PDB file of all heavy atoms in Angstrom:
ATOM      1  N   VAL A   1       8.846   3.347 -15.003  1.00  0.00           N
ATOM      2  CA  VAL A   1       7.584   2.746 -14.582  1.00  0.00           C
ATOM      3  C   VAL A   1       7.795   1.244 -14.364  1.00  0.00           C
ATOM      4  O   VAL A   1       8.155   0.515 -15.291  1.00  0.00           O
ATOM      5  CB  VAL A   1       6.472   2.969 -15.628  1.00  0.00           C
ATOM      6  CG1 VAL A   1       5.118   2.566 -15.056  1.00  0.00           C
ATOM      7  CG2 VAL A   1       6.432   4.427 -16.073  1.00  0.00           C
ATOM      8  N   TYR A   2       7.558   0.810 -13.140  1.00  0.00           N
ATOM      9  CA  TYR A   2       7.768  -0.578 -12.751  1.00  0.00           C
ATOM     10  C   TYR A   2       6.436  -1.315 -12.661  1.00  0.00           C
ATOM     11  O   TYR A   2       5.444  -0.759 -12.205  1.00  0.00           O
ATOM     12  CB  TYR A   2       8.436  -0.656 -11.381  1.00  0.00           C
ATOM     13  CG  TYR A   2       9.870  -0.189 -11.320  1.00  0.00           C
ATOM     14  CD1 TYR A   2      10.195   1.154 -11.411  1.00  0.00           C
ATOM     15  CD2 TYR A   2      10.907  -1.105 -11.145  1.00  0.00           C
ATOM     16  CE1 TYR A   2      11.512   1.585 -11.335  1.00  0.00           C
ATOM     17  CE2 TYR A   2      12.226  -0.688 -11.061  1.00  0.00           C
ATOM     18  CZ  TYR A   2      12.521   0.660 -11.161  1.00  0.00           C
ATOM     19  OH  TYR A   2      13.828   1.074 -11.079  1.00  0.00           O
ATOM     20  N   ASN A   3       6.443  -2.566 -13.054  1.00  0.00           N
ATOM     21  CA  ASN A   3       5.284  -3.421 -12.832  1.00  0.00           C
ATOM     22  C   ASN A   3       5.457  -4.155 -11.508  1.00  0.00           C
ATOM     23  O   ASN A   3       6.464  -4.831 -11.289  1.00  0.00           O
ATOM     24  CB  ASN A   3       5.138  -4.445 -13.967  1.00  0.00           C
ATOM     25  CG  ASN A   3       3.867  -5.270 -13.830  1.00  0.00           C
ATOM     26  OD1 ASN A   3       2.930  -4.887 -13.135  1.00  0.00           O
ATOM     27  ND2 ASN A   3       3.825  -6.409 -14.503  1.00  0.00           N
ATOM     28  N   ILE A   4       4.467  -4.011 -10.602  1.00  0.00           N
ATOM     29  CA  ILE A   4       4.460  -4.789  -9.367  1.00  0.00           C
ATOM     30  C   ILE A   4       3.888  -6.161  -9.725  1.00  0.00           C
ATOM     31  O   ILE A   4       2.678  -6.322  -9.877  1.00  0.00           O
ATOM     32  CB  ILE A   4       3.630  -4.102  -8.274  1.00  0.00           C
ATOM     33  CG1 ILE A   4       4.200  -2.702  -7.985  1.00  0.00           C
ATOM     34  CG2 ILE A   4       3.623  -4.950  -7.002  1.00  0.00           C
ATOM     35  CD1 ILE A   4       3.417  -1.916  -6.950  1.00  0.00           C
ATOM     36  N   VAL A   5       4.761  -7.132  -9.874  1.00  0.00           N
ATOM     37  CA  VAL A   5       4.399  -8.376 -10.558  1.00  0.00           C
ATOM     38  C   VAL A   5       3.437  -9.280  -9.784  1.00  0.00           C
ATOM     39  O   VAL A   5       2.772 -10.134 -10.379  1.00  0.00           O
ATOM     40  CB  VAL A   5       5.662  -9.170 -10.942  1.00  0.00           C
ATOM     41  CG1 VAL A   5       6.500  -8.388 -11.944  1.00  0.00           C
ATOM     42  CG2 VAL A   5       6.488  -9.511  -9.697  1.00  0.00           C
ATOM     43  N   ASP A   6       3.367  -9.117  -8.447  1.00  0.00           N
ATOM     44  CA  ASP A   6       2.437  -9.942  -7.680  1.00  0.00           C
ATOM     45  C   ASP A   6       1.188  -9.169  -7.274  1.00  0.00           C
ATOM     46  O   ASP A   6       0.291  -9.728  -6.634  1.00  0.00           O
ATOM     47  CB  ASP A   6       3.109 -10.554  -6.453  1.00  0.00           C
ATOM     48  CG  ASP A   6       3.917  -9.549  -5.639  1.00  0.00           C
ATOM     49  OD1 ASP A   6       4.156  -8.433  -6.134  1.00  0.00           O
ATOM     50  OD2 ASP A   6       4.331  -9.890  -4.515  1.00  0.00           O
ATOM     51  N   GLY A   7       1.091  -7.908  -7.664  1.00  0.00           N
ATOM     52  CA  GLY A   7      -0.128  -7.141  -7.496  1.00  0.00           C
ATOM     53  C   GLY A   7      -0.572  -6.960  -6.052  1.00  0.00           C
ATOM     54  O   GLY A   7       0.215  -7.061  -5.108  1.00  0.00           O
ATOM     55  N   VAL A   8      -1.857  -6.690  -5.897  1.00  0.00           N
ATOM     56  CA  VAL A   8      -2.439  -6.472  -4.575  1.00  0.00           C
ATOM     57  C   VAL A   8      -2.820  -7.794  -3.906  1.00  0.00           C
ATOM     58  O   VAL A   8      -2.546  -8.011  -2.733  1.00  0.00           O
ATOM     59  CB  VAL A   8      -3.678  -5.553  -4.672  1.00  0.00           C
ATOM     60  CG1 VAL A   8      -4.391  -5.455  -3.325  1.00  0.00           C
ATOM     61  CG2 VAL A   8      -3.272  -4.161  -5.152  1.00  0.00           C
ATOM     62  N   GLU A   9      -3.442  -8.679  -4.672  1.00  0.00           N
ATOM     63  CA  GLU A   9      -3.901  -9.947  -4.091  1.00  0.00           C
ATOM     64  C   GLU A   9      -2.871 -11.057  -4.169  1.00  0.00           C
ATOM     65  O   GLU A   9      -2.912 -12.006  -3.386  1.00  0.00           O
ATOM     66  CB  GLU A   9      -5.192 -10.394  -4.769  1.00  0.00           C
ATOM     67  CG  GLU A   9      -6.369  -9.451  -4.550  1.00  0.00           C
ATOM     68  CD  GLU A   9      -7.650 -10.006  -5.119  1.00  0.00           C
ATOM     69  OE1 GLU A   9      -8.076 -11.093  -4.678  1.00  0.00           O
ATOM     70  OE2 GLU A   9      -8.223  -9.355  -6.016  1.00  0.00           O
ATOM     71  N   GLY A  10      -1.953 -10.983  -5.126  1.00  0.00           N
ATOM     72  CA  GLY A  10      -0.900 -11.983  -5.230  1.00  0.00           C
ATOM     73  C   GLY A  10      -1.244 -13.148  -6.133  1.00  0.00           C
ATOM     74  O   GLY A  10      -2.330 -13.235  -6.708  1.00  0.00           O
ATOM     75  N   ASP A  11      -0.306 -14.072  -6.238  1.00  0.00           N
ATOM     76  CA  ASP A  11      -0.491 -15.278  -7.031  1.00  0.00           C
ATOM     77  C   ASP A  11      -1.163 -16.361  -6.171  1.00  0.00           C
ATOM     78  O   ASP A  11      -1.179 -16.286  -4.944  1.00  0.00           O
ATOM     79  CB  ASP A  11       0.863 -15.788  -7.536  1.00  0.00           C
ATOM     80  CG  ASP A  11       1.524 -14.792  -8.477  1.00  0.00           C
ATOM     81  OD1 ASP A  11       0.848 -14.330  -9.408  1.00  0.00           O
ATOM     82  OD2 ASP A  11       2.715 -14.472  -8.260  1.00  0.00           O
ATOM     83  N   THR A  12      -1.694 -17.362  -6.840  1.00  0.00           N
ATOM     84  CA  THR A  12      -2.396 -18.417  -6.121  1.00  0.00           C
ATOM     85  C   THR A  12      -1.422 -19.446  -5.531  1.00  0.00           C
ATOM     86  O   THR A  12      -0.367 -19.730  -6.109  1.00  0.00           O
ATOM     87  CB  THR A  12      -3.392 -19.146  -7.038  1.00  0.00           C
ATOM     88  OG1 THR A  12      -2.692 -19.655  -8.183  1.00  0.00           O
ATOM     89  CG2 THR A  12      -4.499 -18.215  -7.490  1.00  0.00           C
ATOM     90  N   VAL A  13      -1.796 -19.986  -4.397  1.00  0.00           N
ATOM     91  CA  VAL A  13      -1.024 -21.048  -3.763  1.00  0.00           C
ATOM     92  C   VAL A  13      -1.233 -22.343  -4.550  1.00  0.00           C
ATOM     93  O   VAL A  13      -2.370 -22.736  -4.832  1.00  0.00           O
ATOM     94  CB  VAL A  13      -1.476 -21.245  -2.299  1.00  0.00           C
ATOM     95  CG1 VAL A  13      -0.777 -22.460  -1.677  1.00  0.00           C
ATOM     96  CG2 VAL A  13      -1.201 -19.989  -1.497  1.00  0.00           C
ATOM     97  N   ASP A  14      -0.132 -23.002  -4.923  1.00  0.00           N
ATOM     98  CA  ASP A  14      -0.210 -24.250  -5.682  1.00  0.00           C
ATOM     99  C   ASP A  14       0.271 -25.397  -4.784  1.00  0.00           C
ATOM    100  O   ASP A  14       1.414 -25.844  -4.871  1.00  0.00           O
ATOM    101  CB  ASP A  14       0.636 -24.152  -6.946  1.00  0.00           C
ATOM    102  CG  ASP A  14       0.520 -25.395  -7.827  1.00  0.00           C
ATOM    103  OD1 ASP A  14      -0.401 -26.197  -7.584  1.00  0.00           O
ATOM    104  OD2 ASP A  14       1.358 -25.547  -8.736  1.00  0.00           O
ATOM    105  N   ASP A  15      -0.598 -25.836  -3.898  1.00  0.00           N
ATOM    106  CA  ASP A  15      -0.261 -26.899  -2.966  1.00  0.00           C
ATOM    107  C   ASP A  15      -1.544 -27.624  -2.569  1.00  0.00           C
ATOM    108  O   ASP A  15      -2.285 -27.173  -1.689  1.00  0.00           O
ATOM    109  CB  ASP A  15       0.422 -26.325  -1.724  1.00  0.00           C
ATOM    110  CG  ASP A  15       0.817 -27.404  -0.723  1.00  0.00           C
ATOM    111  OD1 ASP A  15       0.586 -28.599  -1.005  1.00  0.00           O
ATOM    112  OD2 ASP A  15       1.353 -27.042   0.345  1.00  0.00           O
ATOM    113  N   PRO A  16      -1.842 -28.745  -3.226  1.00  0.00           N
ATOM    114  CA  PRO A  16      -3.081 -29.477  -2.943  1.00  0.00           C
ATOM    115  C   PRO A  16      -3.230 -29.887  -1.477  1.00  0.00           C
ATOM    116  O   PRO A  16      -4.351 -30.128  -1.015  1.00  0.00           O
ATOM    117  CB  PRO A  16      -2.971 -30.713  -3.843  1.00  0.00           C
ATOM    118  CG  PRO A  16      -2.042 -30.299  -4.941  1.00  0.00           C
ATOM    119  CD  PRO A  16      -1.062 -29.373  -4.293  1.00  0.00           C
ATOM    120  N   GLU A  17      -2.133 -29.953  -0.746  1.00  0.00           N
ATOM    121  CA  GLU A  17      -2.191 -30.334   0.666  1.00  0.00           C
ATOM    122  C   GLU A  17      -2.525 -29.152   1.574  1.00  0.00           C
ATOM    123  O   GLU A  17      -2.784 -29.340   2.768  1.00  0.00           O
ATOM    124  CB  GLU A  17      -0.844 -30.938   1.097  1.00  0.00           C
ATOM    125  CG  GLU A  17      -0.433 -32.172   0.315  1.00  0.00           C
ATOM    126  CD  GLU A  17      -1.455 -33.302   0.444  1.00  0.00           C
ATOM    127  OE1 GLU A  17      -1.967 -33.488   1.566  1.00  0.00           O
ATOM    128  OE2 GLU A  17      -1.733 -33.968  -0.568  1.00  0.00           O
ATOM    129  N   SER A  18      -2.512 -27.947   1.026  1.00  0.00           N
ATOM    130  CA  SER A  18      -2.751 -26.751   1.835  1.00  0.00           C
ATOM    131  C   SER A  18      -4.218 -26.353   1.790  1.00  0.00           C
ATOM    132  O   SER A  18      -4.885 -26.487   0.761  1.00  0.00           O
ATOM    133  CB  SER A  18      -1.892 -25.588   1.323  1.00  0.00           C
ATOM    134  OG  SER A  18      -2.255 -24.373   1.952  1.00  0.00           O
ATOM    135  N   VAL A  19      -4.725 -25.846   2.909  1.00  0.00           N
ATOM    136  CA  VAL A  19      -6.097 -25.335   2.930  1.00  0.00           C
ATOM    137  C   VAL A  19      -6.209 -24.065   2.090  1.00  0.00           C
ATOM    138  O   VAL A  19      -7.316 -23.610   1.776  1.00  0.00           O
ATOM    139  CB  VAL A  19      -6.556 -25.047   4.376  1.00  0.00           C
ATOM    140  CG1 VAL A  19      -6.624 -26.331   5.177  1.00  0.00           C
ATOM    141  CG2 VAL A  19      -5.630 -24.029   5.055  1.00  0.00           C
ATOM    142  N   PHE A  20      -5.078 -23.493   1.728  1.00  0.00           N
ATOM    143  CA  PHE A  20      -5.065 -22.278   0.926  1.00  0.00           C
ATOM    144  C   PHE A  20      -4.825 -22.555  -0.557  1.00  0.00           C
ATOM    145  O   PHE A  20      -4.604 -21.634  -1.330  1.00  0.00           O
ATOM    146  CB  PHE A  20      -3.994 -21.310   1.444  1.00  0.00           C
ATOM    147  CG  PHE A  20      -4.180 -20.923   2.882  1.00  0.00           C
ATOM    148  CD1 PHE A  20      -3.199 -21.214   3.821  1.00  0.00           C
ATOM    149  CD2 PHE A  20      -5.343 -20.296   3.301  1.00  0.00           C
ATOM    150  CE1 PHE A  20      -3.379 -20.864   5.143  1.00  0.00           C
ATOM    151  CE2 PHE A  20      -5.528 -19.939   4.620  1.00  0.00           C
ATOM    152  CZ  PHE A  20      -4.545 -20.225   5.551  1.00  0.00           C
ATOM    153  N   HIS A  21      -4.866 -23.813  -0.963  1.00  0.00           N
ATOM    154  CA  HIS A  21      -4.654 -24.175  -2.366  1.00  0.00           C
ATOM    155  C   HIS A  21      -5.637 -23.419  -3.266  1.00  0.00           C
ATOM    156  O   HIS A  21      -6.852 -23.428  -3.040  1.00  0.00           O
ATOM    157  CB  HIS A  21      -4.836 -25.678  -2.560  1.00  0.00           C
ATOM    158  CG  HIS A  21      -4.675 -26.132  -3.976  1.00  0.00           C
ATOM    159  ND1 HIS A  21      -3.491 -26.012  -4.664  1.00  0.00           N
ATOM    160  CD2 HIS A  21      -5.568 -26.698  -4.846  1.00  0.00           C
ATOM    161  CE1 HIS A  21      -3.650 -26.485  -5.890  1.00  0.00           C
ATOM    162  NE2 HIS A  21      -4.897 -26.902  -6.022  1.00  0.00           N
ATOM    163  N   GLY A  22      -5.094 -22.760  -4.282  1.00  0.00           N
ATOM    164  CA  GLY A  22      -5.923 -22.010  -5.216  1.00  0.00           C
ATOM    165  C   GLY A  22      -6.299 -20.614  -4.752  1.00  0.00           C
ATOM    166  O   GLY A  22      -6.918 -19.859  -5.507  1.00  0.00           O
ATOM    167  N   LYS A  23      -5.915 -20.274  -3.518  1.00  0.00           N
ATOM    168  CA  LYS A  23      -6.243 -18.952  -2.985  1.00  0.00           C
ATOM    169  C   LYS A  23      -5.076 -17.990  -3.224  1.00  0.00           C
ATOM    170  O   LYS A  23      -3.922 -18.392  -3.268  1.00  0.00           O
ATOM    171  CB  LYS A  23      -6.537 -19.027  -1.487  1.00  0.00           C
ATOM    172  CG  LYS A  23      -7.625 -20.023  -1.115  1.00  0.00           C
ATOM    173  CD  LYS A  23      -8.958 -19.667  -1.740  1.00  0.00           C
ATOM    174  CE  LYS A  23     -10.080 -20.534  -1.187  1.00  0.00           C
ATOM    175  NZ  LYS A  23      -9.893 -21.971  -1.488  1.00  0.00           N
ATOM    176  N   ARG A  24      -5.389 -16.724  -3.347  1.00  0.00           N
ATOM    177  CA  ARG A  24      -4.352 -15.706  -3.573  1.00  0.00           C
ATOM    178  C   ARG A  24      -3.748 -15.276  -2.238  1.00  0.00           C
ATOM    179  O   ARG A  24      -4.009 -14.192  -1.730  1.00  0.00           O
ATOM    180  CB  ARG A  24      -4.931 -14.526  -4.340  1.00  0.00           C
ATOM    181  CG  ARG A  24      -5.344 -14.911  -5.752  1.00  0.00           C
ATOM    182  CD  ARG A  24      -5.744 -13.727  -6.620  1.00  0.00           C
ATOM    183  NE  ARG A  24      -6.076 -14.189  -7.951  1.00  0.00           N
ATOM    184  CZ  ARG A  24      -5.188 -14.467  -8.914  1.00  0.00           C
ATOM    185  NH1 ARG A  24      -3.898 -14.280  -8.675  1.00  0.00           N
ATOM    186  NH2 ARG A  24      -5.575 -14.897 -10.093  1.00  0.00           N
ATOM    187  N   MET A  25      -2.916 -16.131  -1.690  1.00  0.00           N
ATOM    188  CA  MET A  25      -2.288 -15.874  -0.400  1.00  0.00           C
ATOM    189  C   MET A  25      -0.786 -16.146  -0.453  1.00  0.00           C
ATOM    190  O   MET A  25      -0.134 -16.301   0.573  1.00  0.00           O
ATOM    191  CB  MET A  25      -2.943 -16.726   0.685  1.00  0.00           C
ATOM    192  CG  MET A  25      -4.424 -16.461   0.850  1.00  0.00           C
ATOM    193  SD  MET A  25      -5.178 -17.402   2.187  1.00  0.00           S
ATOM    194  CE  MET A  25      -4.402 -16.623   3.600  1.00  0.00           C
ATOM    195  N   LYS A  26      -0.242 -16.205  -1.670  1.00  0.00           N
ATOM    196  CA  LYS A  26       1.166 -16.560  -1.841  1.00  0.00           C
ATOM    197  C   LYS A  26       2.075 -15.355  -1.664  1.00  0.00           C
ATOM    198  O   LYS A  26       3.158 -15.452  -1.089  1.00  0.00           O
ATOM    199  CB  LYS A  26       1.359 -17.184  -3.222  1.00  0.00           C
ATOM    200  CG  LYS A  26       2.757 -17.686  -3.509  1.00  0.00           C
ATOM    201  CD  LYS A  26       2.816 -18.339  -4.876  1.00  0.00           C
ATOM    202  CE  LYS A  26       4.197 -18.850  -5.190  1.00  0.00           C
ATOM    203  NZ  LYS A  26       4.260 -19.498  -6.528  1.00  0.00           N
ATOM    204  N   ASN A  27       1.688 -14.226  -2.181  1.00  0.00           N
ATOM    205  CA  ASN A  27       2.486 -13.001  -2.126  1.00  0.00           C
ATOM    206  C   ASN A  27       1.524 -11.825  -2.311  1.00  0.00           C
ATOM    207  O   ASN A  27       0.394 -11.880  -1.850  1.00  0.00           O
ATOM    208  CB  ASN A  27       3.609 -13.024  -3.178  1.00  0.00           C
ATOM    209  CG  ASN A  27       3.125 -13.505  -4.538  1.00  0.00           C
ATOM    210  OD1 ASN A  27       1.967 -13.310  -4.921  1.00  0.00           O
ATOM    211  ND2 ASN A  27       3.999 -14.159  -5.290  1.00  0.00           N
ATOM    212  N   GLY A  28       1.933 -10.784  -2.996  1.00  0.00           N
ATOM    213  CA  GLY A  28       1.044  -9.659  -3.220  1.00  0.00           C
ATOM    214  C   GLY A  28       1.062  -8.670  -2.063  1.00  0.00           C
ATOM    215  O   GLY A  28       1.501  -8.968  -0.959  1.00  0.00           O
ATOM    216  N   TRP A  29       0.550  -7.464  -2.336  1.00  0.00           N
ATOM    217  CA  TRP A  29       0.595  -6.380  -1.350  1.00  0.00           C
ATOM    218  C   TRP A  29      -0.160  -6.756  -0.081  1.00  0.00           C
ATOM    219  O   TRP A  29       0.290  -6.486   1.032  1.00  0.00           O
ATOM    220  CB  TRP A  29       0.006  -5.106  -1.957  1.00  0.00           C
ATOM    221  CG  TRP A  29       0.351  -3.876  -1.165  1.00  0.00           C
ATOM    222  CD1 TRP A  29      -0.175  -3.484   0.030  1.00  0.00           C
ATOM    223  CD2 TRP A  29       1.330  -2.897  -1.507  1.00  0.00           C
ATOM    224  NE1 TRP A  29       0.403  -2.311   0.458  1.00  0.00           N
ATOM    225  CE2 TRP A  29       1.330  -1.925  -0.469  1.00  0.00           C
ATOM    226  CE3 TRP A  29       2.199  -2.733  -2.594  1.00  0.00           C
ATOM    227  CZ2 TRP A  29       2.166  -0.805  -0.494  1.00  0.00           C
ATOM    228  CZ3 TRP A  29       3.032  -1.615  -2.615  1.00  0.00           C
ATOM    229  CH2 TRP A  29       3.016  -0.667  -1.568  1.00  0.00           C
ATOM    230  N   LYS A  30      -1.315  -7.406  -0.205  1.00  0.00           N
ATOM    231  CA  LYS A  30      -2.126  -7.718   0.969  1.00  0.00           C
ATOM    232  C   LYS A  30      -1.464  -8.743   1.878  1.00  0.00           C
ATOM    233  O   LYS A  30      -1.839  -8.870   3.050  1.00  0.00           O
ATOM    234  CB  LYS A  30      -3.514  -8.210   0.546  1.00  0.00           C
ATOM    235  CG  LYS A  30      -4.372  -7.136  -0.099  1.00  0.00           C
ATOM    236  CD  LYS A  30      -5.784  -7.605  -0.386  1.00  0.00           C
ATOM    237  CE  LYS A  30      -6.576  -7.755   0.896  1.00  0.00           C
ATOM    238  NZ  LYS A  30      -8.011  -8.040   0.616  1.00  0.00           N
ATOM    239  N   ASN A  31      -0.491  -9.468   1.354  1.00  0.00           N
ATOM    240  CA  ASN A  31       0.209 -10.476   2.149  1.00  0.00           C
ATOM    241  C   ASN A  31       1.616 -10.048   2.548  1.00  0.00           C
ATOM    242  O   ASN A  31       2.335 -10.828   3.174  1.00  0.00           O
ATOM    243  CB  ASN A  31       0.285 -11.792   1.370  1.00  0.00           C
ATOM    244  CG  ASN A  31      -1.094 -12.351   1.052  1.00  0.00           C
ATOM    245  OD1 ASN A  31      -1.903 -12.531   1.957  1.00  0.00           O
ATOM    246  ND2 ASN A  31      -1.369 -12.593  -0.213  1.00  0.00           N
ATOM    247  N   SER A  32       2.012  -8.810   2.197  1.00  0.00           N
ATOM    248  CA  SER A  32       3.399  -8.423   2.464  1.00  0.00           C
ATOM    249  C   SER A  32       3.597  -6.960   2.837  1.00  0.00           C
ATOM    250  O   SER A  32       4.713  -6.570   3.172  1.00  0.00           O
ATOM    251  CB  SER A  32       4.274  -8.749   1.244  1.00  0.00           C
ATOM    252  OG  SER A  32       3.767  -8.146   0.066  1.00  0.00           O
ATOM    253  N   ALA A  33       2.549  -6.138   2.805  1.00  0.00           N
ATOM    254  CA  ALA A  33       2.700  -4.710   3.116  1.00  0.00           C
ATOM    255  C   ALA A  33       1.364  -4.169   3.636  1.00  0.00           C
ATOM    256  O   ALA A  33       0.315  -4.778   3.400  1.00  0.00           O
ATOM    257  CB  ALA A  33       3.157  -3.937   1.874  1.00  0.00           C
ATOM    258  N   PRO A  34       1.381  -3.031   4.311  1.00  0.00           N
ATOM    259  CA  PRO A  34       0.139  -2.482   4.875  1.00  0.00           C
ATOM    260  C   PRO A  34      -0.872  -2.102   3.795  1.00  0.00           C
ATOM    261  O   PRO A  34      -0.504  -1.613   2.726  1.00  0.00           O
ATOM    262  CB  PRO A  34       0.619  -1.232   5.634  1.00  0.00           C
ATOM    263  CG  PRO A  34       2.069  -1.458   5.879  1.00  0.00           C
ATOM    264  CD  PRO A  34       2.557  -2.236   4.704  1.00  0.00           C
ATOM    265  N   TRP A  35      -2.163  -2.339   4.105  1.00  0.00           N
ATOM    266  CA  TRP A  35      -3.217  -1.967   3.162  1.00  0.00           C
ATOM    267  C   TRP A  35      -4.461  -1.585   3.952  1.00  0.00           C
ATOM    268  O   TRP A  35      -4.575  -1.861   5.146  1.00  0.00           O
ATOM    269  CB  TRP A  35      -3.521  -3.111   2.195  1.00  0.00           C
ATOM    270  CG  TRP A  35      -3.933  -4.397   2.843  1.00  0.00           C
ATOM    271  CD1 TRP A  35      -3.118  -5.364   3.368  1.00  0.00           C
ATOM    272  CD2 TRP A  35      -5.274  -4.850   3.046  1.00  0.00           C
ATOM    273  NE1 TRP A  35      -3.864  -6.391   3.878  1.00  0.00           N
ATOM    274  CE2 TRP A  35      -5.191  -6.112   3.708  1.00  0.00           C
ATOM    275  CE3 TRP A  35      -6.532  -4.334   2.727  1.00  0.00           C
ATOM    276  CZ2 TRP A  35      -6.319  -6.852   4.048  1.00  0.00           C
ATOM    277  CZ3 TRP A  35      -7.661  -5.076   3.071  1.00  0.00           C
ATOM    278  CH2 TRP A  35      -7.544  -6.317   3.715  1.00  0.00           C
ATOM    279  N   VAL A  36      -5.401  -0.919   3.281  1.00  0.00           N
ATOM    280  CA  VAL A  36      -6.592  -0.396   3.951  1.00  0.00           C
ATOM    281  C   VAL A  36      -7.824  -0.582   3.066  1.00  0.00           C
ATOM    282  O   VAL A  36      -7.719  -0.850   1.871  1.00  0.00           O
ATOM    283  CB  VAL A  36      -6.438   1.113   4.266  1.00  0.00           C
ATOM    284  CG1 VAL A  36      -5.270   1.353   5.213  1.00  0.00           C
ATOM    285  CG2 VAL A  36      -6.265   1.924   2.973  1.00  0.00           C
ATOM    286  N   TYR A  37      -8.995  -0.433   3.679  1.00  0.00           N
ATOM    287  CA  TYR A  37     -10.251  -0.311   2.943  1.00  0.00           C
ATOM    288  C   TYR A  37     -10.660   1.159   2.812  1.00  0.00           C
ATOM    289  O   TYR A  37     -11.390   1.532   1.900  1.00  0.00           O
ATOM    290  CB  TYR A  37     -11.383  -1.068   3.647  1.00  0.00           C
ATOM    291  CG  TYR A  37     -11.297  -2.571   3.566  1.00  0.00           C
ATOM    292  CD1 TYR A  37     -11.129  -3.332   4.714  1.00  0.00           C
ATOM    293  CD2 TYR A  37     -11.397  -3.239   2.343  1.00  0.00           C
ATOM    294  CE1 TYR A  37     -11.068  -4.715   4.656  1.00  0.00           C
ATOM    295  CE2 TYR A  37     -11.333  -4.616   2.277  1.00  0.00           C
ATOM    296  CZ  TYR A  37     -11.168  -5.355   3.436  1.00  0.00           C
ATOM    297  OH  TYR A  37     -11.108  -6.723   3.373  1.00  0.00           O
ATOM    298  N   ASP A  38     -10.231   1.984   3.766  1.00  0.00           N
ATOM    299  CA  ASP A  38     -10.603   3.399   3.773  1.00  0.00           C
ATOM    300  C   ASP A  38     -10.164   4.070   2.481  1.00  0.00           C
ATOM    301  O   ASP A  38      -9.071   3.809   1.964  1.00  0.00           O
ATOM    302  CB  ASP A  38      -9.968   4.117   4.958  1.00  0.00           C
ATOM    303  CG  ASP A  38     -10.453   3.578   6.294  1.00  0.00           C
ATOM    304  OD1 ASP A  38     -11.572   3.028   6.320  1.00  0.00           O
ATOM    305  OD2 ASP A  38      -9.711   3.696   7.281  1.00  0.00           O
ATOM    306  N   ILE A  39     -11.006   4.964   1.964  1.00  0.00           N
ATOM    307  CA  ILE A  39     -10.749   5.599   0.672  1.00  0.00           C
ATOM    308  C   ILE A  39     -10.566   7.102   0.823  1.00  0.00           C
ATOM    309  O   ILE A  39     -11.361   7.766   1.491  1.00  0.00           O
ATOM    310  CB  ILE A  39     -11.891   5.316  -0.316  1.00  0.00           C
ATOM    311  CG1 ILE A  39     -11.944   3.831  -0.636  1.00  0.00           C
ATOM    312  CG2 ILE A  39     -11.727   6.123  -1.590  1.00  0.00           C
ATOM    313  CD1 ILE A  39     -13.123   3.431  -1.467  1.00  0.00           C
ATOM    314  N   ASP A  40      -9.531   7.623   0.213  1.00  0.00           N
ATOM    315  CA  ASP A  40      -9.346   9.058   0.061  1.00  0.00           C
ATOM    316  C   ASP A  40      -9.890   9.421  -1.320  1.00  0.00           C
ATOM    317  O   ASP A  40      -9.271   9.088  -2.336  1.00  0.00           O
ATOM    318  CB  ASP A  40      -7.863   9.415   0.165  1.00  0.00           C
ATOM    319  CG  ASP A  40      -7.604  10.904  -0.032  1.00  0.00           C
ATOM    320  OD1 ASP A  40      -8.562  11.645  -0.363  1.00  0.00           O
ATOM    321  OD2 ASP A  40      -6.447  11.317   0.118  1.00  0.00           O
ATOM    322  N   PRO A  41     -11.053  10.088  -1.412  1.00  0.00           N
ATOM    323  CA  PRO A  41     -11.658  10.385  -2.720  1.00  0.00           C
ATOM    324  C   PRO A  41     -10.729  11.145  -3.665  1.00  0.00           C
ATOM    325  O   PRO A  41     -10.860  11.021  -4.883  1.00  0.00           O
ATOM    326  CB  PRO A  41     -12.888  11.216  -2.359  1.00  0.00           C
ATOM    327  CG  PRO A  41     -13.207  10.826  -0.961  1.00  0.00           C
ATOM    328  CD  PRO A  41     -11.883  10.570  -0.296  1.00  0.00           C
ATOM    329  N   GLU A  42      -9.790  11.903  -3.114  1.00  0.00           N
ATOM    330  CA  GLU A  42      -8.865  12.656  -3.956  1.00  0.00           C
ATOM    331  C   GLU A  42      -7.886  11.748  -4.690  1.00  0.00           C
ATOM    332  O   GLU A  42      -7.226  12.180  -5.636  1.00  0.00           O
ATOM    333  CB  GLU A  42      -8.098  13.671  -3.111  1.00  0.00           C
ATOM    334  CG  GLU A  42      -8.956  14.795  -2.565  1.00  0.00           C
ATOM    335  CD  GLU A  42      -9.603  15.607  -3.684  1.00  0.00           C
ATOM    336  OE1 GLU A  42      -8.898  15.989  -4.629  1.00  0.00           O
ATOM    337  OE2 GLU A  42     -10.820  15.837  -3.614  1.00  0.00           O
ATOM    338  N   LYS A  43      -7.775  10.504  -4.253  1.00  0.00           N
ATOM    339  CA  LYS A  43      -6.844   9.580  -4.893  1.00  0.00           C
ATOM    340  C   LYS A  43      -7.522   8.629  -5.871  1.00  0.00           C
ATOM    341  O   LYS A  43      -6.883   7.725  -6.404  1.00  0.00           O
ATOM    342  CB  LYS A  43      -6.065   8.794  -3.832  1.00  0.00           C
ATOM    343  CG  LYS A  43      -5.036   9.644  -3.083  1.00  0.00           C
ATOM    344  CD  LYS A  43      -4.200   8.780  -2.169  1.00  0.00           C
ATOM    345  CE  LYS A  43      -3.106   9.599  -1.499  1.00  0.00           C
ATOM    346  NZ  LYS A  43      -2.081  10.048  -2.471  1.00  0.00           N
ATOM    347  N   VAL A  44      -8.806   8.813  -6.105  1.00  0.00           N
ATOM    348  CA  VAL A  44      -9.524   8.022  -7.105  1.00  0.00           C
ATOM    349  C   VAL A  44      -9.766   8.930  -8.308  1.00  0.00           C
ATOM    350  O   VAL A  44     -10.561   9.870  -8.254  1.00  0.00           O
ATOM    351  CB  VAL A  44     -10.852   7.478  -6.551  1.00  0.00           C
ATOM    352  CG1 VAL A  44     -11.579   6.659  -7.612  1.00  0.00           C
ATOM    353  CG2 VAL A  44     -10.597   6.640  -5.308  1.00  0.00           C
TER     354      VAL A  44
END
């Protein structure tokens, strides 16, 4: 069992000069792999 260390949303950007400072746009599944909003009820 592996821990996906940056999760779905990722870690926060630490750059006061960036418009993304403090936002979860550094890594994570949503910033590096395909994702959806659609839900398969059998998987919940």
